[in-house]
Amino acid sequence: LGEERDAALKAVLTADQQKEWDSRL
């Protein structure tokens, strides 16, 4: 259930937003 949620959340981001999120981690 958590993995499905994680995938759904990340799918909302654009490629640039995903890159920014990774940098903030």
PDBML (XML) file of the C-alpha atoms, coordinates in Angstrom:
<?xml version="1.0" encoding="UTF-8" ?>
<PDBx:datablock datablockName="MODEL"
   xmlns:PDBx="http://pdbml.pdb.org/schema/pdbx-v50.xsd"
   xmlns:xsi="http://www.w3.org/2001/XMLSchema-instance"
   xsi:schemaLocation="http://pdbml.pdb.org/schema/pdbx-v50.xsd pdbx-v50.xsd">
   <PDBx:atom_siteCategory>
      <PDBx:atom_site id="1">
         <PDBx:B_iso_or_equiv>0.00</PDBx:B_iso_or_equiv>
         <PDBx:Cartn_x>0.000</PDBx:Cartn_x>
         <PDBx:Cartn_y>0.000</PDBx:Cartn_y>
         <PDBx:Cartn_z>0.000</PDBx:Cartn_z>
         <PDBx:auth_asym_id>A</PDBx:auth_asym_id>
         <PDBx:auth_atom_id>CA</PDBx:auth_atom_id>
         <PDBx:auth_comp_id>LEU</PDBx:auth_comp_id>
         <PDBx:auth_seq_id>1</PDBx:auth_seq_id>
         <PDBx:group_PDB>ATOM</PDBx:group_PDB>
         <PDBx:label_alt_id xsi:nil="true" />
         <PDBx:label_asym_id>A</PDBx:label_asym_id>
         <PDBx:label_atom_id>CA</PDBx:label_atom_id>
         <PDBx:label_comp_id>LEU</PDBx:label_comp_id>
         <PDBx:label_entity_id>1</PDBx:label_entity_id>
         <PDBx:label_seq_id>1</PDBx:label_seq_id>
         <PDBx:occupancy>1.00</PDBx:occupancy>
         <PDBx:pdbx_PDB_model_num>1</PDBx:pdbx_PDB_model_num>
         <PDBx:type_symbol>C</PDBx:type_symbol>
      </PDBx:atom_site>
      <PDBx:atom_site id="2">
         <PDBx:B_iso_or_equiv>0.00</PDBx:B_iso_or_equiv>
         <PDBx:Cartn_x>2.850</PDBx:Cartn_x>
         <PDBx:Cartn_y>2.378</PDBx:Cartn_y>
         <PDBx:Cartn_z>0.843</PDBx:Cartn_z>
         <PDBx:auth_asym_id>A</PDBx:auth_asym_id>
         <PDBx:auth_atom_id>CA</PDBx:auth_atom_id>
         <PDBx:auth_comp_id>GLY</PDBx:auth_comp_id>
         <PDBx:auth_seq_id>2</PDBx:auth_seq_id>
         <PDBx:group_PDB>ATOM</PDBx:group_PDB>
         <PDBx:label_alt_id xsi:nil="true" />
         <PDBx:label_asym_id>A</PDBx:label_asym_id>
         <PDBx:label_atom_id>CA</PDBx:label_atom_id>
         <PDBx:label_comp_id>GLY</PDBx:label_comp_id>
         <PDBx:label_entity_id>1</PDBx:label_entity_id>
         <PDBx:label_seq_id>2</PDBx:label_seq_id>
         <PDBx:occupancy>1.00</PDBx:occupancy>
         <PDBx:pdbx_PDB_model_num>1</PDBx:pdbx_PDB_model_num>
         <PDBx:type_symbol>C</PDBx:type_symbol>
      </PDBx:atom_site>
      <PDBx:atom_site id="3">
         <PDBx:B_iso_or_equiv>0.00</PDBx:B_iso_or_equiv>
         <PDBx:Cartn_x>4.709</PDBx:Cartn_x>
         <PDBx:Cartn_y>1.590</PDBx:Cartn_y>
         <PDBx:Cartn_z>-2.368</PDBx:Cartn_z>
         <PDBx:auth_asym_id>A</PDBx:auth_asym_id>
         <PDBx:auth_atom_id>CA</PDBx:auth_atom_id>
         <PDBx:auth_comp_id>GLU</PDBx:auth_comp_id>
         <PDBx:auth_seq_id>3</PDBx:auth_seq_id>
         <PDBx:group_PDB>ATOM</PDBx:group_PDB>
         <PDBx:label_alt_id xsi:nil="true" />
         <PDBx:label_asym_id>A</PDBx:label_asym_id>
         <PDBx:label_atom_id>CA</PDBx:label_atom_id>
         <PDBx:label_comp_id>GLU</PDBx:label_comp_id>
         <PDBx:label_entity_id>1</PDBx:label_entity_id>
         <PDBx:label_seq_id>3</PDBx:label_seq_id>
         <PDBx:occupancy>1.00</PDBx:occupancy>
         <PDBx:pdbx_PDB_model_num>1</PDBx:pdbx_PDB_model_num>
         <PDBx:type_symbol>C</PDBx:type_symbol>
      </PDBx:atom_site>
      <PDBx:atom_site id="4">
         <PDBx:B_iso_or_equiv>0.00</PDBx:B_iso_or_equiv>
         <PDBx:Cartn_x>1.580</PDBx:Cartn_x>
         <PDBx:Cartn_y>2.236</PDBx:Cartn_y>
         <PDBx:Cartn_z>-4.428</PDBx:Cartn_z>
         <PDBx:auth_asym_id>A</PDBx:auth_asym_id>
         <PDBx:auth_atom_id>CA</PDBx:auth_atom_id>
         <PDBx:auth_comp_id>GLU</PDBx:auth_comp_id>
         <PDBx:auth_seq_id>4</PDBx:auth_seq_id>
         <PDBx:group_PDB>ATOM</PDBx:group_PDB>
         <PDBx:label_alt_id xsi:nil="true" />
         <PDBx:label_asym_id>A</PDBx:label_asym_id>
         <PDBx:label_atom_id>CA</PDBx:label_atom_id>
         <PDBx:label_comp_id>GLU</PDBx:label_comp_id>
         <PDBx:label_entity_id>1</PDBx:label_entity_id>
         <PDBx:label_seq_id>4</PDBx:label_seq_id>
         <PDBx:occupancy>1.00</PDBx:occupancy>
         <PDBx:pdbx_PDB_model_num>1</PDBx:pdbx_PDB_model_num>
         <PDBx:type_symbol>C</PDBx:type_symbol>
      </PDBx:atom_site>
      <PDBx:atom_site id="5">
         <PDBx:B_iso_or_equiv>0.00</PDBx:B_iso_or_equiv>
         <PDBx:Cartn_x>1.087</PDBx:Cartn_x>
         <PDBx:Cartn_y>5.553</PDBx:Cartn_y>
         <PDBx:Cartn_z>-2.639</PDBx:Cartn_z>
         <PDBx:auth_asym_id>A</PDBx:auth_asym_id>
         <PDBx:auth_atom_id>CA</PDBx:auth_atom_id>
         <PDBx:auth_comp_id>ARG</PDBx:auth_comp_id>
         <PDBx:auth_seq_id>5</PDBx:auth_seq_id>
         <PDBx:group_PDB>ATOM</PDBx:group_PDB>
         <PDBx:label_alt_id xsi:nil="true" />
         <PDBx:label_asym_id>A</PDBx:label_asym_id>
         <PDBx:label_atom_id>CA</PDBx:label_atom_id>
         <PDBx:label_comp_id>ARG</PDBx:label_comp_id>
         <PDBx:label_entity_id>1</PDBx:label_entity_id>
         <PDBx:label_seq_id>5</PDBx:label_seq_id>
         <PDBx:occupancy>1.00</PDBx:occupancy>
         <PDBx:pdbx_PDB_model_num>1</PDBx:pdbx_PDB_model_num>
         <PDBx:type_symbol>C</PDBx:type_symbol>
      </PDBx:atom_site>
      <PDBx:atom_site id="6">
         <PDBx:B_iso_or_equiv>0.00</PDBx:B_iso_or_equiv>
         <PDBx:Cartn_x>4.722</PDBx:Cartn_x>
         <PDBx:Cartn_y>6.539</PDBx:Cartn_y>
         <PDBx:Cartn_z>-3.200</PDBx:Cartn_z>
         <PDBx:auth_asym_id>A</PDBx:auth_asym_id>
         <PDBx:auth_atom_id>CA</PDBx:auth_atom_id>
         <PDBx:auth_comp_id>ASP</PDBx:auth_comp_id>
         <PDBx:auth_seq_id>6</PDBx:auth_seq_id>
         <PDBx:group_PDB>ATOM</PDBx:group_PDB>
         <PDBx:label_alt_id xsi:nil="true" />
         <PDBx:label_asym_id>A</PDBx:label_asym_id>
         <PDBx:label_atom_id>CA</PDBx:label_atom_id>
         <PDBx:label_comp_id>ASP</PDBx:label_comp_id>
         <PDBx:label_entity_id>1</PDBx:label_entity_id>
         <PDBx:label_seq_id>6</PDBx:label_seq_id>
         <PDBx:occupancy>1.00</PDBx:occupancy>
         <PDBx:pdbx_PDB_model_num>1</PDBx:pdbx_PDB_model_num>
         <PDBx:type_symbol>C</PDBx:type_symbol>
      </PDBx:atom_site>
      <PDBx:atom_site id="7">
         <PDBx:B_iso_or_equiv>0.00</PDBx:B_iso_or_equiv>
         <PDBx:Cartn_x>4.528</PDBx:Cartn_x>
         <PDBx:Cartn_y>5.788</PDBx:Cartn_y>
         <PDBx:Cartn_z>-6.915</PDBx:Cartn_z>
         <PDBx:auth_asym_id>A</PDBx:auth_asym_id>
         <PDBx:auth_atom_id>CA</PDBx:auth_atom_id>
         <PDBx:auth_comp_id>ALA</PDBx:auth_comp_id>
         <PDBx:auth_seq_id>7</PDBx:auth_seq_id>
         <PDBx:group_PDB>ATOM</PDBx:group_PDB>
         <PDBx:label_alt_id xsi:nil="true" />
         <PDBx:label_asym_id>A</PDBx:label_asym_id>
         <PDBx:label_atom_id>CA</PDBx:label_atom_id>
         <PDBx:label_comp_id>ALA</PDBx:label_comp_id>
         <PDBx:label_entity_id>1</PDBx:label_entity_id>
         <PDBx:label_seq_id>7</PDBx:label_seq_id>
         <PDBx:occupancy>1.00</PDBx:occupancy>
         <PDBx:pdbx_PDB_model_num>1</PDBx:pdbx_PDB_model_num>
         <PDBx:type_symbol>C</PDBx:type_symbol>
      </PDBx:atom_site>
      <PDBx:atom_site id="8">
         <PDBx:B_iso_or_equiv>0.00</PDBx:B_iso_or_equiv>
         <PDBx:Cartn_x>1.277</PDBx:Cartn_x>
         <PDBx:Cartn_y>7.740</PDBx:Cartn_y>
         <PDBx:Cartn_z>-7.257</PDBx:Cartn_z>
         <PDBx:auth_asym_id>A</PDBx:auth_asym_id>
         <PDBx:auth_atom_id>CA</PDBx:auth_atom_id>
         <PDBx:auth_comp_id>ALA</PDBx:auth_comp_id>
         <PDBx:auth_seq_id>8</PDBx:auth_seq_id>
         <PDBx:group_PDB>ATOM</PDBx:group_PDB>
         <PDBx:label_alt_id xsi:nil="true" />
         <PDBx:label_asym_id>A</PDBx:label_asym_id>
         <PDBx:label_atom_id>CA</PDBx:label_atom_id>
         <PDBx:label_comp_id>ALA</PDBx:label_comp_id>
         <PDBx:label_entity_id>1</PDBx:label_entity_id>
         <PDBx:label_seq_id>8</PDBx:label_seq_id>
         <PDBx:occupancy>1.00</PDBx:occupancy>
         <PDBx:pdbx_PDB_model_num>1</PDBx:pdbx_PDB_model_num>
         <PDBx:type_symbol>C</PDBx:type_symbol>
      </PDBx:atom_site>
      <PDBx:atom_site id="9">
         <PDBx:B_iso_or_equiv>0.00</PDBx:B_iso_or_equiv>
         <PDBx:Cartn_x>2.728</PDBx:Cartn_x>
         <PDBx:Cartn_y>10.762</PDBx:Cartn_y>
         <PDBx:Cartn_z>-5.452</PDBx:Cartn_z>
         <PDBx:auth_asym_id>A</PDBx:auth_asym_id>
         <PDBx:auth_atom_id>CA</PDBx:auth_atom_id>
         <PDBx:auth_comp_id>LEU</PDBx:auth_comp_id>
         <PDBx:auth_seq_id>9</PDBx:auth_seq_id>
         <PDBx:group_PDB>ATOM</PDBx:group_PDB>
         <PDBx:label_alt_id xsi:nil="true" />
         <PDBx:label_asym_id>A</PDBx:label_asym_id>
         <PDBx:label_atom_id>CA</PDBx:label_atom_id>
         <PDBx:label_comp_id>LEU</PDBx:label_comp_id>
         <PDBx:label_entity_id>1</PDBx:label_entity_id>
         <PDBx:label_seq_id>9</PDBx:label_seq_id>
         <PDBx:occupancy>1.00</PDBx:occupancy>
         <PDBx:pdbx_PDB_model_num>1</PDBx:pdbx_PDB_model_num>
         <PDBx:type_symbol>C</PDBx:type_symbol>
      </PDBx:atom_site>
      <PDBx:atom_site id="10">
         <PDBx:B_iso_or_equiv>0.00</PDBx:B_iso_or_equiv>
         <PDBx:Cartn_x>5.883</PDBx:Cartn_x>
         <PDBx:Cartn_y>10.842</PDBx:Cartn_y>
         <PDBx:Cartn_z>-7.557</PDBx:Cartn_z>
         <PDBx:auth_asym_id>A</PDBx:auth_asym_id>
         <PDBx:auth_atom_id>CA</PDBx:auth_atom_id>
         <PDBx:auth_comp_id>LYS</PDBx:auth_comp_id>
         <PDBx:auth_seq_id>10</PDBx:auth_seq_id>
         <PDBx:group_PDB>ATOM</PDBx:group_PDB>
         <PDBx:label_alt_id xsi:nil="true" />
         <PDBx:label_asym_id>A</PDBx:label_asym_id>
         <PDBx:label_atom_id>CA</PDBx:label_atom_id>
         <PDBx:label_comp_id>LYS</PDBx:label_comp_id>
         <PDBx:label_entity_id>1</PDBx:label_entity_id>
         <PDBx:label_seq_id>10</PDBx:label_seq_id>
         <PDBx:occupancy>1.00</PDBx:occupancy>
         <PDBx:pdbx_PDB_model_num>1</PDBx:pdbx_PDB_model_num>
         <PDBx:type_symbol>C</PDBx:type_symbol>
      </PDBx:atom_site>
      <PDBx:atom_site id="11">
         <PDBx:B_iso_or_equiv>0.00</PDBx:B_iso_or_equiv>
         <PDBx:Cartn_x>3.860</PDBx:Cartn_x>
         <PDBx:Cartn_y>10.475</PDBx:Cartn_y>
         <PDBx:Cartn_z>-10.755</PDBx:Cartn_z>
         <PDBx:auth_asym_id>A</PDBx:auth_asym_id>
         <PDBx:auth_atom_id>CA</PDBx:auth_atom_id>
         <PDBx:auth_comp_id>ALA</PDBx:auth_comp_id>
         <PDBx:auth_seq_id>11</PDBx:auth_seq_id>
         <PDBx:group_PDB>ATOM</PDBx:group_PDB>
         <PDBx:label_alt_id xsi:nil="true" />
         <PDBx:label_asym_id>A</PDBx:label_asym_id>
         <PDBx:label_atom_id>CA</PDBx:label_atom_id>
         <PDBx:label_comp_id>ALA</PDBx:label_comp_id>
         <PDBx:label_entity_id>1</PDBx:label_entity_id>
         <PDBx:label_seq_id>11</PDBx:label_seq_id>
         <PDBx:occupancy>1.00</PDBx:occupancy>
         <PDBx:pdbx_PDB_model_num>1</PDBx:pdbx_PDB_model_num>
         <PDBx:type_symbol>C</PDBx:type_symbol>
      </PDBx:atom_site>
      <PDBx:atom_site id="12">
         <PDBx:B_iso_or_equiv>0.00</PDBx:B_iso_or_equiv>
         <PDBx:Cartn_x>2.302</PDBx:Cartn_x>
         <PDBx:Cartn_y>13.883</PDBx:Cartn_y>
         <PDBx:Cartn_z>-10.079</PDBx:Cartn_z>
         <PDBx:auth_asym_id>A</PDBx:auth_asym_id>
         <PDBx:auth_atom_id>CA</PDBx:auth_atom_id>
         <PDBx:auth_comp_id>VAL</PDBx:auth_comp_id>
         <PDBx:auth_seq_id>12</PDBx:auth_seq_id>
         <PDBx:group_PDB>ATOM</PDBx:group_PDB>
         <PDBx:label_alt_id xsi:nil="true" />
         <PDBx:label_asym_id>A</PDBx:label_asym_id>
         <PDBx:label_atom_id>CA</PDBx:label_atom_id>
         <PDBx:label_comp_id>VAL</PDBx:label_comp_id>
         <PDBx:label_entity_id>1</PDBx:label_entity_id>
         <PDBx:label_seq_id>12</PDBx:label_seq_id>
         <PDBx:occupancy>1.00</PDBx:occupancy>
         <PDBx:pdbx_PDB_model_num>1</PDBx:pdbx_PDB_model_num>
         <PDBx:type_symbol>C</PDBx:type_symbol>
      </PDBx:atom_site>
      <PDBx:atom_site id="13">
         <PDBx:B_iso_or_equiv>0.00</PDBx:B_iso_or_equiv>
         <PDBx:Cartn_x>5.688</PDBx:Cartn_x>
         <PDBx:Cartn_y>15.632</PDBx:Cartn_y>
         <PDBx:Cartn_z>-10.373</PDBx:Cartn_z>
         <PDBx:auth_asym_id>A</PDBx:auth_asym_id>
         <PDBx:auth_atom_id>CA</PDBx:auth_atom_id>
         <PDBx:auth_comp_id>LEU</PDBx:auth_comp_id>
         <PDBx:auth_seq_id>13</PDBx:auth_seq_id>
         <PDBx:group_PDB>ATOM</PDBx:group_PDB>
         <PDBx:label_alt_id xsi:nil="true" />
         <PDBx:label_asym_id>A</PDBx:label_asym_id>
         <PDBx:label_atom_id>CA</PDBx:label_atom_id>
         <PDBx:label_comp_id>LEU</PDBx:label_comp_id>
         <PDBx:label_entity_id>1</PDBx:label_entity_id>
         <PDBx:label_seq_id>13</PDBx:label_seq_id>
         <PDBx:occupancy>1.00</PDBx:occupancy>
         <PDBx:pdbx_PDB_model_num>1</PDBx:pdbx_PDB_model_num>
         <PDBx:type_symbol>C</PDBx:type_symbol>
      </PDBx:atom_site>
      <PDBx:atom_site id="14">
         <PDBx:B_iso_or_equiv>0.00</PDBx:B_iso_or_equiv>
         <PDBx:Cartn_x>7.245</PDBx:Cartn_x>
         <PDBx:Cartn_y>16.854</PDBx:Cartn_y>
         <PDBx:Cartn_z>-13.600</PDBx:Cartn_z>
         <PDBx:auth_asym_id>A</PDBx:auth_asym_id>
         <PDBx:auth_atom_id>CA</PDBx:auth_atom_id>
         <PDBx:auth_comp_id>THR</PDBx:auth_comp_id>
         <PDBx:auth_seq_id>14</PDBx:auth_seq_id>
         <PDBx:group_PDB>ATOM</PDBx:group_PDB>
         <PDBx:label_alt_id xsi:nil="true" />
         <PDBx:label_asym_id>A</PDBx:label_asym_id>
         <PDBx:label_atom_id>CA</PDBx:label_atom_id>
         <PDBx:label_comp_id>THR</PDBx:label_comp_id>
         <PDBx:label_entity_id>1</PDBx:label_entity_id>
         <PDBx:label_seq_id>14</PDBx:label_seq_id>
         <PDBx:occupancy>1.00</PDBx:occupancy>
         <PDBx:pdbx_PDB_model_num>1</PDBx:pdbx_PDB_model_num>
         <PDBx:type_symbol>C</PDBx:type_symbol>
      </PDBx:atom_site>
      <PDBx:atom_site id="15">
         <PDBx:B_iso_or_equiv>0.00</PDBx:B_iso_or_equiv>
         <PDBx:Cartn_x>10.771</PDBx:Cartn_x>
         <PDBx:Cartn_y>15.735</PDBx:Cartn_y>
         <PDBx:Cartn_z>-14.452</PDBx:Cartn_z>
         <PDBx:auth_asym_id>A</PDBx:auth_asym_id>
         <PDBx:auth_atom_id>CA</PDBx:auth_atom_id>
         <PDBx:auth_comp_id>ALA</PDBx:auth_comp_id>
         <PDBx:auth_seq_id>15</PDBx:auth_seq_id>
         <PDBx:group_PDB>ATOM</PDBx:group_PDB>
         <PDBx:label_alt_id xsi:nil="true" />
         <PDBx:label_asym_id>A</PDBx:label_asym_id>
         <PDBx:label_atom_id>CA</PDBx:label_atom_id>
         <PDBx:label_comp_id>ALA</PDBx:label_comp_id>
         <PDBx:label_entity_id>1</PDBx:label_entity_id>
         <PDBx:label_seq_id>15</PDBx:label_seq_id>
         <PDBx:occupancy>1.00</PDBx:occupancy>
         <PDBx:pdbx_PDB_model_num>1</PDBx:pdbx_PDB_model_num>
         <PDBx:type_symbol>C</PDBx:type_symbol>
      </PDBx:atom_site>
      <PDBx:atom_site id="16">
         <PDBx:B_iso_or_equiv>0.00</PDBx:B_iso_or_equiv>
         <PDBx:Cartn_x>12.198</PDBx:Cartn_x>
         <PDBx:Cartn_y>19.059</PDBx:Cartn_y>
         <PDBx:Cartn_z>-13.233</PDBx:Cartn_z>
         <PDBx:auth_asym_id>A</PDBx:auth_asym_id>
         <PDBx:auth_atom_id>CA</PDBx:auth_atom_id>
         <PDBx:auth_comp_id>ASP</PDBx:auth_comp_id>
         <PDBx:auth_seq_id>16</PDBx:auth_seq_id>
         <PDBx:group_PDB>ATOM</PDBx:group_PDB>
         <PDBx:label_alt_id xsi:nil="true" />
         <PDBx:label_asym_id>A</PDBx:label_asym_id>
         <PDBx:label_atom_id>CA</PDBx:label_atom_id>
         <PDBx:label_comp_id>ASP</PDBx:label_comp_id>
         <PDBx:label_entity_id>1</PDBx:label_entity_id>
         <PDBx:label_seq_id>16</PDBx:label_seq_id>
         <PDBx:occupancy>1.00</PDBx:occupancy>
         <PDBx:pdbx_PDB_model_num>1</PDBx:pdbx_PDB_model_num>
         <PDBx:type_symbol>C</PDBx:type_symbol>
      </PDBx:atom_site>
      <PDBx:atom_site id="17">
         <PDBx:B_iso_or_equiv>0.00</PDBx:B_iso_or_equiv>
         <PDBx:Cartn_x>10.222</PDBx:Cartn_x>
         <PDBx:Cartn_y>18.868</PDBx:Cartn_y>
         <PDBx:Cartn_z>-9.991</PDBx:Cartn_z>
         <PDBx:auth_asym_id>A</PDBx:auth_asym_id>
         <PDBx:auth_atom_id>CA</PDBx:auth_atom_id>
         <PDBx:auth_comp_id>GLN</PDBx:auth_comp_id>
         <PDBx:auth_seq_id>17</PDBx:auth_seq_id>
         <PDBx:group_PDB>ATOM</PDBx:group_PDB>
         <PDBx:label_alt_id xsi:nil="true" />
         <PDBx:label_asym_id>A</PDBx:label_asym_id>
         <PDBx:label_atom_id>CA</PDBx:label_atom_id>
         <PDBx:label_comp_id>GLN</PDBx:label_comp_id>
         <PDBx:label_entity_id>1</PDBx:label_entity_id>
         <PDBx:label_seq_id>17</PDBx:label_seq_id>
         <PDBx:occupancy>1.00</PDBx:occupancy>
         <PDBx:pdbx_PDB_model_num>1</PDBx:pdbx_PDB_model_num>
         <PDBx:type_symbol>C</PDBx:type_symbol>
      </PDBx:atom_site>
      <PDBx:atom_site id="18">
         <PDBx:B_iso_or_equiv>0.00</PDBx:B_iso_or_equiv>
         <PDBx:Cartn_x>11.417</PDBx:Cartn_x>
         <PDBx:Cartn_y>15.311</PDBx:Cartn_y>
         <PDBx:Cartn_z>-9.416</PDBx:Cartn_z>
         <PDBx:auth_asym_id>A</PDBx:auth_asym_id>
         <PDBx:auth_atom_id>CA</PDBx:auth_atom_id>
         <PDBx:auth_comp_id>GLN</PDBx:auth_comp_id>
         <PDBx:auth_seq_id>18</PDBx:auth_seq_id>
         <PDBx:group_PDB>ATOM</PDBx:group_PDB>
         <PDBx:label_alt_id xsi:nil="true" />
         <PDBx:label_asym_id>A</PDBx:label_asym_id>
         <PDBx:label_atom_id>CA</PDBx:label_atom_id>
         <PDBx:label_comp_id>GLN</PDBx:label_comp_id>
         <PDBx:label_entity_id>1</PDBx:label_entity_id>
         <PDBx:label_seq_id>18</PDBx:label_seq_id>
         <PDBx:occupancy>1.00</PDBx:occupancy>
         <PDBx:pdbx_PDB_model_num>1</PDBx:pdbx_PDB_model_num>
         <PDBx:type_symbol>C</PDBx:type_symbol>
      </PDBx:atom_site>
      <PDBx:atom_site id="19">
         <PDBx:B_iso_or_equiv>0.00</PDBx:B_iso_or_equiv>
         <PDBx:Cartn_x>14.985</PDBx:Cartn_x>
         <PDBx:Cartn_y>16.501</PDBx:Cartn_y>
         <PDBx:Cartn_z>-9.878</PDBx:Cartn_z>
         <PDBx:auth_asym_id>A</PDBx:auth_asym_id>
         <PDBx:auth_atom_id>CA</PDBx:auth_atom_id>
         <PDBx:auth_comp_id>LYS</PDBx:auth_comp_id>
         <PDBx:auth_seq_id>19</PDBx:auth_seq_id>
         <PDBx:group_PDB>ATOM</PDBx:group_PDB>
         <PDBx:label_alt_id xsi:nil="true" />
         <PDBx:label_asym_id>A</PDBx:label_asym_id>
         <PDBx:label_atom_id>CA</PDBx:label_atom_id>
         <PDBx:label_comp_id>LYS</PDBx:label_comp_id>
         <PDBx:label_entity_id>1</PDBx:label_entity_id>
         <PDBx:label_seq_id>19</PDBx:label_seq_id>
         <PDBx:occupancy>1.00</PDBx:occupancy>
         <PDBx:pdbx_PDB_model_num>1</PDBx:pdbx_PDB_model_num>
         <PDBx:type_symbol>C</PDBx:type_symbol>
      </PDBx:atom_site>
      <PDBx:atom_site id="20">
         <PDBx:B_iso_or_equiv>0.00</PDBx:B_iso_or_equiv>
         <PDBx:Cartn_x>14.425</PDBx:Cartn_x>
         <PDBx:Cartn_y>19.349</PDBx:Cartn_y>
         <PDBx:Cartn_z>-7.411</PDBx:Cartn_z>
         <PDBx:auth_asym_id>A</PDBx:auth_asym_id>
         <PDBx:auth_atom_id>CA</PDBx:auth_atom_id>
         <PDBx:auth_comp_id>GLU</PDBx:auth_comp_id>
         <PDBx:auth_seq_id>20</PDBx:auth_seq_id>
         <PDBx:group_PDB>ATOM</PDBx:group_PDB>
         <PDBx:label_alt_id xsi:nil="true" />
         <PDBx:label_asym_id>A</PDBx:label_asym_id>
         <PDBx:label_atom_id>CA</PDBx:label_atom_id>
         <PDBx:label_comp_id>GLU</PDBx:label_comp_id>
         <PDBx:label_entity_id>1</PDBx:label_entity_id>
         <PDBx:label_seq_id>20</PDBx:label_seq_id>
         <PDBx:occupancy>1.00</PDBx:occupancy>
         <PDBx:pdbx_PDB_model_num>1</PDBx:pdbx_PDB_model_num>
         <PDBx:type_symbol>C</PDBx:type_symbol>
      </PDBx:atom_site>
      <PDBx:atom_site id="21">
         <PDBx:B_iso_or_equiv>0.00</PDBx:B_iso_or_equiv>
         <PDBx:Cartn_x>12.841</PDBx:Cartn_x>
         <PDBx:Cartn_y>16.949</PDBx:Cartn_y>
         <PDBx:Cartn_z>-4.898</PDBx:Cartn_z>
         <PDBx:auth_asym_id>A</PDBx:auth_asym_id>
         <PDBx:auth_atom_id>CA</PDBx:auth_atom_id>
         <PDBx:auth_comp_id>TRP</PDBx:auth_comp_id>
         <PDBx:auth_seq_id>21</PDBx:auth_seq_id>
         <PDBx:group_PDB>ATOM</PDBx:group_PDB>
         <PDBx:label_alt_id xsi:nil="true" />
         <PDBx:label_asym_id>A</PDBx:label_asym_id>
         <PDBx:label_atom_id>CA</PDBx:label_atom_id>
         <PDBx:label_comp_id>TRP</PDBx:label_comp_id>
         <PDBx:label_entity_id>1</PDBx:label_entity_id>
         <PDBx:label_seq_id>21</PDBx:label_seq_id>
         <PDBx:occupancy>1.00</PDBx:occupancy>
         <PDBx:pdbx_PDB_model_num>1</PDBx:pdbx_PDB_model_num>
         <PDBx:type_symbol>C</PDBx:type_symbol>
      </PDBx:atom_site>
      <PDBx:atom_site id="22">
         <PDBx:B_iso_or_equiv>0.00</PDBx:B_iso_or_equiv>
         <PDBx:Cartn_x>15.831</PDBx:Cartn_x>
         <PDBx:Cartn_y>14.603</PDBx:Cartn_y>
         <PDBx:Cartn_z>-5.114</PDBx:Cartn_z>
         <PDBx:auth_asym_id>A</PDBx:auth_asym_id>
         <PDBx:auth_atom_id>CA</PDBx:auth_atom_id>
         <PDBx:auth_comp_id>ASP</PDBx:auth_comp_id>
         <PDBx:auth_seq_id>22</PDBx:auth_seq_id>
         <PDBx:group_PDB>ATOM</PDBx:group_PDB>
         <PDBx:label_alt_id xsi:nil="true" />
         <PDBx:label_asym_id>A</PDBx:label_asym_id>
         <PDBx:label_atom_id>CA</PDBx:label_atom_id>
         <PDBx:label_comp_id>ASP</PDBx:label_comp_id>
         <PDBx:label_entity_id>1</PDBx:label_entity_id>
         <PDBx:label_seq_id>22</PDBx:label_seq_id>
         <PDBx:occupancy>1.00</PDBx:occupancy>
         <PDBx:pdbx_PDB_model_num>1</PDBx:pdbx_PDB_model_num>
         <PDBx:type_symbol>C</PDBx:type_symbol>
      </PDBx:atom_site>
      <PDBx:atom_site id="23">
         <PDBx:B_iso_or_equiv>0.00</PDBx:B_iso_or_equiv>
         <PDBx:Cartn_x>18.209</PDBx:Cartn_x>
         <PDBx:Cartn_y>17.523</PDBx:Cartn_y>
         <PDBx:Cartn_z>-4.567</PDBx:Cartn_z>
         <PDBx:auth_asym_id>A</PDBx:auth_asym_id>
         <PDBx:auth_atom_id>CA</PDBx:auth_atom_id>
         <PDBx:auth_comp_id>SER</PDBx:auth_comp_id>
         <PDBx:auth_seq_id>23</PDBx:auth_seq_id>
         <PDBx:group_PDB>ATOM</PDBx:group_PDB>
         <PDBx:label_alt_id xsi:nil="true" />
         <PDBx:label_asym_id>A</PDBx:label_asym_id>
         <PDBx:label_atom_id>CA</PDBx:label_atom_id>
         <PDBx:label_comp_id>SER</PDBx:label_comp_id>
         <PDBx:label_entity_id>1</PDBx:label_entity_id>
         <PDBx:label_seq_id>23</PDBx:label_seq_id>
         <PDBx:occupancy>1.00</PDBx:occupancy>
         <PDBx:pdbx_PDB_model_num>1</PDBx:pdbx_PDB_model_num>
         <PDBx:type_symbol>C</PDBx:type_symbol>
      </PDBx:atom_site>
      <PDBx:atom_site id="24">
         <PDBx:B_iso_or_equiv>0.00</PDBx:B_iso_or_equiv>
         <PDBx:Cartn_x>16.298</PDBx:Cartn_x>
         <PDBx:Cartn_y>18.590</PDBx:Cartn_y>
         <PDBx:Cartn_z>-1.457</PDBx:Cartn_z>
         <PDBx:auth_asym_id>A</PDBx:auth_asym_id>
         <PDBx:auth_atom_id>CA</PDBx:auth_atom_id>
         <PDBx:auth_comp_id>ARG</PDBx:auth_comp_id>
         <PDBx:auth_seq_id>24</PDBx:auth_seq_id>
         <PDBx:group_PDB>ATOM</PDBx:group_PDB>
         <PDBx:label_alt_id xsi:nil="true" />
         <PDBx:label_asym_id>A</PDBx:label_asym_id>
         <PDBx:label_atom_id>CA</PDBx:label_atom_id>
         <PDBx:label_comp_id>ARG</PDBx:label_comp_id>
         <PDBx:label_entity_id>1</PDBx:label_entity_id>
         <PDBx:label_seq_id>24</PDBx:label_seq_id>
         <PDBx:occupancy>1.00</PDBx:occupancy>
         <PDBx:pdbx_PDB_model_num>1</PDBx:pdbx_PDB_model_num>
         <PDBx:type_symbol>C</PDBx:type_symbol>
      </PDBx:atom_site>
      <PDBx:atom_site id="25">
         <PDBx:B_iso_or_equiv>0.00</PDBx:B_iso_or_equiv>
         <PDBx:Cartn_x>16.631</PDBx:Cartn_x>
         <PDBx:Cartn_y>15.097</PDBx:Cartn_y>
         <PDBx:Cartn_z>-0.019</PDBx:Cartn_z>
         <PDBx:auth_asym_id>A</PDBx:auth_asym_id>
         <PDBx:auth_atom_id>CA</PDBx:auth_atom_id>
         <PDBx:auth_comp_id>LEU</PDBx:auth_comp_id>
         <PDBx:auth_seq_id>25</PDBx:auth_seq_id>
         <PDBx:group_PDB>ATOM</PDBx:group_PDB>
         <PDBx:label_alt_id xsi:nil="true" />
         <PDBx:label_asym_id>A</PDBx:label_asym_id>
         <PDBx:label_atom_id>CA</PDBx:label_atom_id>
         <PDBx:label_comp_id>LEU</PDBx:label_comp_id>
         <PDBx:label_entity_id>1</PDBx:label_entity_id>
         <PDBx:label_seq_id>25</PDBx:label_seq_id>
         <PDBx:occupancy>1.00</PDBx:occupancy>
         <PDBx:pdbx_PDB_model_num>1</PDBx:pdbx_PDB_model_num>
         <PDBx:type_symbol>C</PDBx:type_symbol>
      </PDBx:atom_site>
   </PDBx:atom_siteCategory>
</PDBx:datablock>
